[in-house]
Protein backbone atom coordinates (compact mmCIF):
# COMPACT_ATOMS: atom_id res chain seq x y z
CA UNK A 1 125.81 60.92 100.93
CA UNK A 2 126.94 63.63 103.33
CA UNK A 3 123.97 64.85 105.38
CA UNK A 4 125.38 67.18 108.04
CA UNK A 5 128.29 69.36 109.13
CA UNK A 6 130.08 66.60 111.06
CA UNK A 7 130.00 64.15 108.15
CA UNK A 8 131.27 66.91 105.85
CA UNK A 9 134.11 67.71 108.26
CA UNK A 10 135.09 64.05 108.68
CA UNK A 11 134.98 63.49 104.91
CA UNK A 12 137.25 66.50 104.36
CA UNK A 13 139.68 65.22 107.00
CA UNK A 14 139.81 61.75 105.44
CA UNK A 15 140.32 63.28 101.98
CA UNK A 16 143.22 65.39 103.26
CA UNK A 17 144.86 62.29 104.76
CA UNK A 18 144.52 60.50 101.39
CA UNK A 19 145.94 63.55 99.60
CA UNK A 20 148.92 63.57 101.96
CA UNK A 21 149.64 59.91 101.17
CA UNK A 22 149.69 60.77 97.46
CA UNK A 23 151.51 64.09 98.00
CA UNK A 24 148.72 66.09 96.35
CA UNK A 25 148.09 69.79 96.91
CA UNK A 26 144.73 70.61 98.50
CA UNK A 27 142.25 73.48 98.33
CA UNK A 28 139.53 73.65 100.97
CA UNK A 29 136.62 75.68 99.64
CA UNK A 30 133.66 77.15 101.53
CA UNK A 31 132.00 80.47 102.20
CA UNK A 32 132.39 80.38 105.97
CA UNK A 33 131.49 78.65 109.21
CA UNK A 34 132.25 75.26 107.70
CA UNK A 35 135.46 74.31 109.51
CA UNK A 36 138.08 74.64 106.78
CA UNK A 37 140.47 76.74 108.88
CA UNK A 38 139.70 74.77 112.03
CA UNK A 39 140.52 71.58 110.13
CA UNK A 40 143.82 72.96 108.89
CA UNK A 41 144.72 73.97 112.45
CA UNK A 42 143.69 70.56 113.79
CA UNK A 43 145.86 68.83 111.21
CA UNK A 44 148.75 71.30 111.39
CA UNK A 45 151.24 68.84 112.90
CA UNK A 46 150.58 66.04 110.39
CA UNK A 47 150.66 68.52 107.51
CA UNK A 48 153.97 70.00 108.64
CA UNK A 49 155.45 66.53 109.29
CA UNK A 50 154.67 65.70 105.68
CA UNK A 51 156.19 68.90 104.32
CA UNK A 52 153.00 70.83 103.57
CA UNK A 53 152.88 74.61 103.42
CA UNK A 54 149.59 75.80 104.99
CA UNK A 55 147.91 79.05 104.04
CA UNK A 56 144.55 80.08 105.47
CA UNK A 57 143.61 82.27 102.52
CA UNK A 58 145.14 84.07 99.58
CA UNK A 59 144.61 87.43 97.99
CA UNK A 60 141.93 87.48 95.30
CA UNK A 61 144.05 89.17 92.67
CA UNK A 62 147.06 86.85 92.58
CA UNK A 63 148.04 85.76 89.10
CA UNK A 64 149.23 82.17 88.53
CA UNK A 65 152.73 83.58 88.00
CA UNK A 66 152.64 85.47 91.31
CA UNK A 67 151.35 82.33 93.06
CA UNK A 68 154.28 80.29 91.71
CA UNK A 69 156.75 82.97 92.81
CA UNK A 70 155.11 83.07 96.25
CA UNK A 71 155.46 79.30 96.59
CA UNK A 72 159.11 79.43 95.54
CA UNK A 73 159.86 82.20 98.02
CA UNK A 74 158.10 80.17 100.75
CA UNK A 75 160.04 77.05 99.66
CA UNK A 76 156.72 75.23 99.38
CA UNK A 77 156.67 72.02 97.38
CA UNK A 78 153.28 70.77 98.65
CA UNK A 79 150.50 73.00 99.95
CA UNK A 80 147.04 73.20 101.45
CA UNK A 81 145.01 76.38 101.05
CA UNK A 82 141.65 77.54 102.33
CA UNK A 83 139.57 79.89 100.22
CA UNK A 84 136.06 81.25 100.18
CA UNK A 85 136.29 82.73 96.69
CA UNK A 86 135.41 80.30 93.92
CA UNK A 87 136.87 82.64 91.30
CA UNK A 88 140.39 81.82 92.49
CA UNK A 89 140.09 78.40 90.88
CA UNK A 90 140.07 80.05 87.46
CA UNK A 91 142.61 82.77 88.30
CA UNK A 92 145.25 82.13 90.98
CA UNK A 93 145.11 78.32 90.79
CA UNK A 94 144.30 77.82 87.10
CA UNK A 95 147.78 76.42 86.39
CA UNK A 96 148.06 74.40 89.61
CA UNK A 97 147.26 70.74 90.20
CA UNK A 98 145.28 70.09 93.37
CA UNK A 99 142.50 68.19 95.11
CA UNK A 100 139.46 70.41 95.70
CA UNK A 101 137.43 69.72 98.83
CA UNK A 102 134.09 71.50 98.82
CA UNK A 103 133.07 72.26 102.41
CA UNK A 104 130.41 74.77 101.40
CA UNK A 105 127.28 72.61 101.87
CA UNK A 106 127.03 72.73 105.68
CA UNK A 107 127.93 75.32 108.31
CA UNK A 108 128.69 74.62 111.95
CA UNK A 109 125.35 73.71 113.57
CA UNK A 110 125.40 76.15 116.51
CA UNK A 111 127.15 79.40 115.75
CA UNK A 112 130.56 80.68 114.85
CA UNK A 113 132.49 83.90 114.68
CA UNK A 114 133.68 85.04 111.30
CA UNK A 115 137.03 86.78 110.96
CA UNK A 116 135.01 90.00 110.73
CA UNK A 117 133.73 89.38 114.27
CA UNK A 118 130.18 88.86 113.01
CA UNK A 119 128.29 85.95 114.55
CA UNK A 120 126.30 83.61 112.34
CA UNK A 121 123.56 81.45 113.83
CA UNK A 122 122.08 78.34 112.29
CA UNK A 123 118.56 77.47 113.36
């Protein structure tokens, strides 16, 4: 059982490494401050070495058809995506095959800056 942020982060990292071995696509899900984008940046070299297209987030209104066209244009055969919108699983990615890693349980224990510039504190 995962009991804290660091265990969650390590589990996600191990799961990504397993997904790479099996050439699976990956979606990192979480509302914020949980390390999904940090993890993608940390693993950038190994992802690129294995031919993965990395995308920090996608637009909410992409149709499955648009997503496929976007991947073709990007020449992406394997991909890893971060998202904080659960609805994308039933819209943008509804016709995709992927491993979902839920990083939404724990946030970073100290504080973090959101892309908006807002600071969140965990007590």
